[in-house]
Amino acid sequence: VLDRLEKAMPWQSAPMLFEDGYDFALLYYRLGRLETFTALVSRLEKQFKAETAEGAPSNPYIYGQMIRLYDLANNFSAELEVLERLAQFRPNDASIRERIDTVQAILKRTSPARAN
């Protein structure tokens, strides 16, 4: 079904709301179509950066959606950047601090050992 939809309305060239792109990315991820998922995440990342360049976006959920996509893509360094930006807007939110700590621990475990 997604293949037919993509032929009728190619997501690469069609304008798309961030929320719709997010939903499509999750569908492709769940179906194991990781190449398309990754391409959609890249497109959404550009939209996210444009929408949040001036600070808080008009849609506060966009931060959570981008965090989720980065988490699924195992892009923990990008996820950490978004979490740290979000923490600036919500400094008293313990759940954000907990996730930052978790992601930092993941990055520490997965980073190659540095030679001195």
C-alpha atoms as a PDB file:
ATOM      1  CA  VAL A   1       0.000   0.000   0.000  1.00  0.00           C
ATOM      2  CA  LEU A   2       2.810   2.422   0.854  1.00  0.00           C
ATOM      3  CA  ASP A   3       4.495   1.655  -2.463  1.00  0.00           C
ATOM      4  CA  ARG A   4       1.325   2.607  -4.350  1.00  0.00           C
ATOM      5  CA  LEU A   5       0.915   5.745  -2.275  1.00  0.00           C
ATOM      6  CA  GLU A   6       4.536   6.675  -2.911  1.00  0.00           C
ATOM      7  CA  LYS A   7       4.050   6.254  -6.674  1.00  0.00           C
ATOM      8  CA  ALA A   8       0.917   8.409  -6.642  1.00  0.00           C
ATOM      9  CA  MET A   9       2.400  11.052  -4.345  1.00  0.00           C
ATOM     10  CA  PRO A  10       6.183  10.751  -4.004  1.00  0.00           C
ATOM     11  CA  TRP A  11       7.178  11.982  -0.558  1.00  0.00           C
ATOM     12  CA  GLN A  12      10.559  13.145  -1.873  1.00  0.00           C
ATOM     13  CA  SER A  13       8.999  15.925  -3.913  1.00  0.00           C
ATOM     14  CA  ALA A  14       5.606  16.501  -2.297  1.00  0.00           C
ATOM     15  CA  PRO A  15       5.275  19.107   0.426  1.00  0.00           C
ATOM     16  CA  MET A  16       4.537  17.412   3.714  1.00  0.00           C
ATOM     17  CA  LEU A  17       3.684  18.568   7.210  1.00  0.00           C
ATOM     18  CA  PHE A  18       6.203  17.454   9.809  1.00  0.00           C
ATOM     19  CA  GLU A  19       3.544  15.413  11.609  1.00  0.00           C
ATOM     20  CA  ASP A  20       2.629  13.526   8.431  1.00  0.00           C
ATOM     21  CA  GLY A  21       6.278  12.815   7.668  1.00  0.00           C
ATOM     22  CA  TYR A  22       6.715  11.549  11.221  1.00  0.00           C
ATOM     23  CA  ASP A  23       3.772   9.163  10.822  1.00  0.00           C
ATOM     24  CA  PHE A  24       5.128   7.871   7.496  1.00  0.00           C
ATOM     25  CA  ALA A  25       8.609   7.420   8.966  1.00  0.00           C
ATOM     26  CA  LEU A  26       7.185   5.307  11.789  1.00  0.00           C
ATOM     27  CA  LEU A  27       5.249   3.183   9.309  1.00  0.00           C
ATOM     28  CA  TYR A  28       8.357   2.529   7.231  1.00  0.00           C
ATOM     29  CA  TYR A  29      10.330   1.715  10.381  1.00  0.00           C
ATOM     30  CA  ARG A  30       7.692  -0.748  11.594  1.00  0.00           C
ATOM     31  CA  LEU A  31       7.673  -2.428   8.198  1.00  0.00           C
ATOM     32  CA  GLY A  32      11.447  -2.801   8.218  1.00  0.00           C
ATOM     33  CA  ARG A  33      11.950  -0.397   5.317  1.00  0.00           C
ATOM     34  CA  LEU A  34      14.938   1.217   6.998  1.00  0.00           C
ATOM     35  CA  GLU A  35      16.362   2.891   3.900  1.00  0.00           C
ATOM     36  CA  THR A  36      13.143   4.851   3.376  1.00  0.00           C
ATOM     37  CA  PHE A  37      12.858   5.466   7.128  1.00  0.00           C
ATOM     38  CA  THR A  38      16.379   6.931   7.175  1.00  0.00           C
ATOM     39  CA  ALA A  39      15.648   9.144   4.168  1.00  0.00           C
ATOM     40  CA  LEU A  40      12.484  10.442   5.815  1.00  0.00           C
ATOM     41  CA  VAL A  41      14.338  11.131   9.065  1.00  0.00           C
ATOM     42  CA  SER A  42      16.887  13.156   7.091  1.00  0.00           C
ATOM     43  CA  ARG A  43      14.109  15.194   5.488  1.00  0.00           C
ATOM     44  CA  LEU A  44      12.354  15.697   8.817  1.00  0.00           C
ATOM     45  CA  GLU A  45      15.619  16.721  10.433  1.00  0.00           C
ATOM     46  CA  LYS A  46      15.909  19.599   7.956  1.00  0.00           C
ATOM     47  CA  GLN A  47      12.321  20.647   8.669  1.00  0.00           C
ATOM     48  CA  PHE A  48      12.951  20.397  12.407  1.00  0.00           C
ATOM     49  CA  LYS A  49      16.052  22.564  12.242  1.00  0.00           C
ATOM     50  CA  ALA A  50      14.247  25.175  10.148  1.00  0.00           C
ATOM     51  CA  GLU A  51      11.221  25.221  12.451  1.00  0.00           C
ATOM     52  CA  THR A  52      13.264  25.413  15.659  1.00  0.00           C
ATOM     53  CA  ALA A  53      16.026  27.763  14.498  1.00  0.00           C
ATOM     54  CA  GLU A  54      14.469  30.727  16.291  1.00  0.00           C
ATOM     55  CA  GLY A  55      13.841  28.883  19.541  1.00  0.00           C
ATOM     56  CA  ALA A  56      10.612  27.266  20.653  1.00  0.00           C
ATOM     57  CA  PRO A  57       8.538  26.018  17.702  1.00  0.00           C
ATOM     58  CA  SER A  58       4.842  26.651  17.261  1.00  0.00           C
ATOM     59  CA  ASN A  59       4.371  22.890  17.743  1.00  0.00           C
ATOM     60  CA  PRO A  60       6.056  21.781  20.990  1.00  0.00           C
ATOM     61  CA  TYR A  61       5.507  18.104  20.136  1.00  0.00           C
ATOM     62  CA  ILE A  62       8.025  18.350  17.319  1.00  0.00           C
ATOM     63  CA  TYR A  63      10.860  17.957  19.848  1.00  0.00           C
ATOM     64  CA  GLY A  64       9.465  14.677  21.173  1.00  0.00           C
ATOM     65  CA  GLN A  65       8.851  13.396  17.677  1.00  0.00           C
ATOM     66  CA  MET A  66      12.415  14.159  16.587  1.00  0.00           C
ATOM     67  CA  ILE A  67      13.793  12.562  19.757  1.00  0.00           C
ATOM     68  CA  ARG A  68      11.788   9.413  19.000  1.00  0.00           C
ATOM     69  CA  LEU A  69      13.043   9.267  15.408  1.00  0.00           C
ATOM     70  CA  TYR A  70      16.664   9.725  16.465  1.00  0.00           C
ATOM     71  CA  ASP A  71      16.208   7.026  19.094  1.00  0.00           C
ATOM     72  CA  LEU A  72      14.836   4.563  16.535  1.00  0.00           C
ATOM     73  CA  ALA A  73      17.670   5.453  14.164  1.00  0.00           C
ATOM     74  CA  ASN A  74      20.237   4.949  16.958  1.00  0.00           C
ATOM     75  CA  ASN A  75      21.475   8.475  16.330  1.00  0.00           C
ATOM     76  CA  PHE A  76      22.098   9.185  19.988  1.00  0.00           C
ATOM     77  CA  SER A  77      24.369  12.184  19.510  1.00  0.00           C
ATOM     78  CA  ALA A  78      21.640  13.985  17.540  1.00  0.00           C
ATOM     79  CA  GLU A  79      19.056  12.873  20.097  1.00  0.00           C
ATOM     80  CA  LEU A  80      21.211  14.345  22.875  1.00  0.00           C
ATOM     81  CA  GLU A  81      21.432  17.684  21.054  1.00  0.00           C
ATOM     82  CA  VAL A  82      17.637  17.889  20.789  1.00  0.00           C
ATOM     83  CA  LEU A  83      17.191  16.854  24.418  1.00  0.00           C
ATOM     84  CA  GLU A  84      19.615  19.540  25.569  1.00  0.00           C
ATOM     85  CA  ARG A  85      17.767  22.183  23.536  1.00  0.00           C
ATOM     86  CA  LEU A  86      14.464  20.995  24.971  1.00  0.00           C
ATOM     87  CA  ALA A  87      15.890  21.149  28.497  1.00  0.00           C
ATOM     88  CA  GLN A  88      16.545  24.862  27.960  1.00  0.00           C
ATOM     89  CA  PHE A  89      12.806  25.424  27.510  1.00  0.00           C
ATOM     90  CA  ARG A  90      11.807  23.047  30.310  1.00  0.00           C
ATOM     91  CA  PRO A  91      14.611  23.166  32.887  1.00  0.00           C
ATOM     92  CA  ASN A  92      12.510  21.668  35.703  1.00  0.00           C
ATOM     93  CA  ASP A  93      11.353  18.609  33.748  1.00  0.00           C
ATOM     94  CA  ALA A  94      12.975  15.604  35.453  1.00  0.00           C
ATOM     95  CA  SER A  95      12.027  13.238  32.615  1.00  0.00           C
ATOM     96  CA  ILE A  96      14.142  15.227  30.170  1.00  0.00           C
ATOM     97  CA  ARG A  97      17.116  15.155  32.560  1.00  0.00           C
ATOM     98  CA  GLU A  98      16.671  11.379  32.994  1.00  0.00           C
ATOM     99  CA  ARG A  99      16.640  10.824  29.243  1.00  0.00           C
ATOM    100  CA  ILE A 100      19.729  13.020  28.826  1.00  0.00           C
ATOM    101  CA  ASP A 101      21.518  10.895  31.433  1.00  0.00           C
ATOM    102  CA  THR A 102      20.410   7.690  29.683  1.00  0.00           C
ATOM    103  CA  VAL A 103      21.551   8.874  26.255  1.00  0.00           C
ATOM    104  CA  GLN A 104      24.887  10.075  27.657  1.00  0.00           C
ATOM    105  CA  ALA A 105      25.404   6.627  29.195  1.00  0.00           C
ATOM    106  CA  ILE A 106      24.606   4.966  25.859  1.00  0.00           C
ATOM    107  CA  LEU A 107      27.062   7.236  24.068  1.00  0.00           C
ATOM    108  CA  LYS A 108      29.723   6.543  26.656  1.00  0.00           C
ATOM    109  CA  ARG A 109      29.265   2.770  26.245  1.00  0.00           C
ATOM    110  CA  THR A 110      29.259   2.879  22.451  1.00  0.00           C
ATOM    111  CA  SER A 111      32.069   5.398  21.931  1.00  0.00           C
ATOM    112  CA  PRO A 112      35.338   3.818  20.850  1.00  0.00           C
ATOM    113  CA  ALA A 113      38.097   4.037  23.431  1.00  0.00           C
ATOM    114  CA  ARG A 114      40.274   7.078  22.892  1.00  0.00           C
ATOM    115  CA  ALA A 115      44.003   6.657  22.638  1.00  0.00           C
ATOM    116  CA  ASN A 116      46.075   8.959  24.828  1.00  0.00           C
END
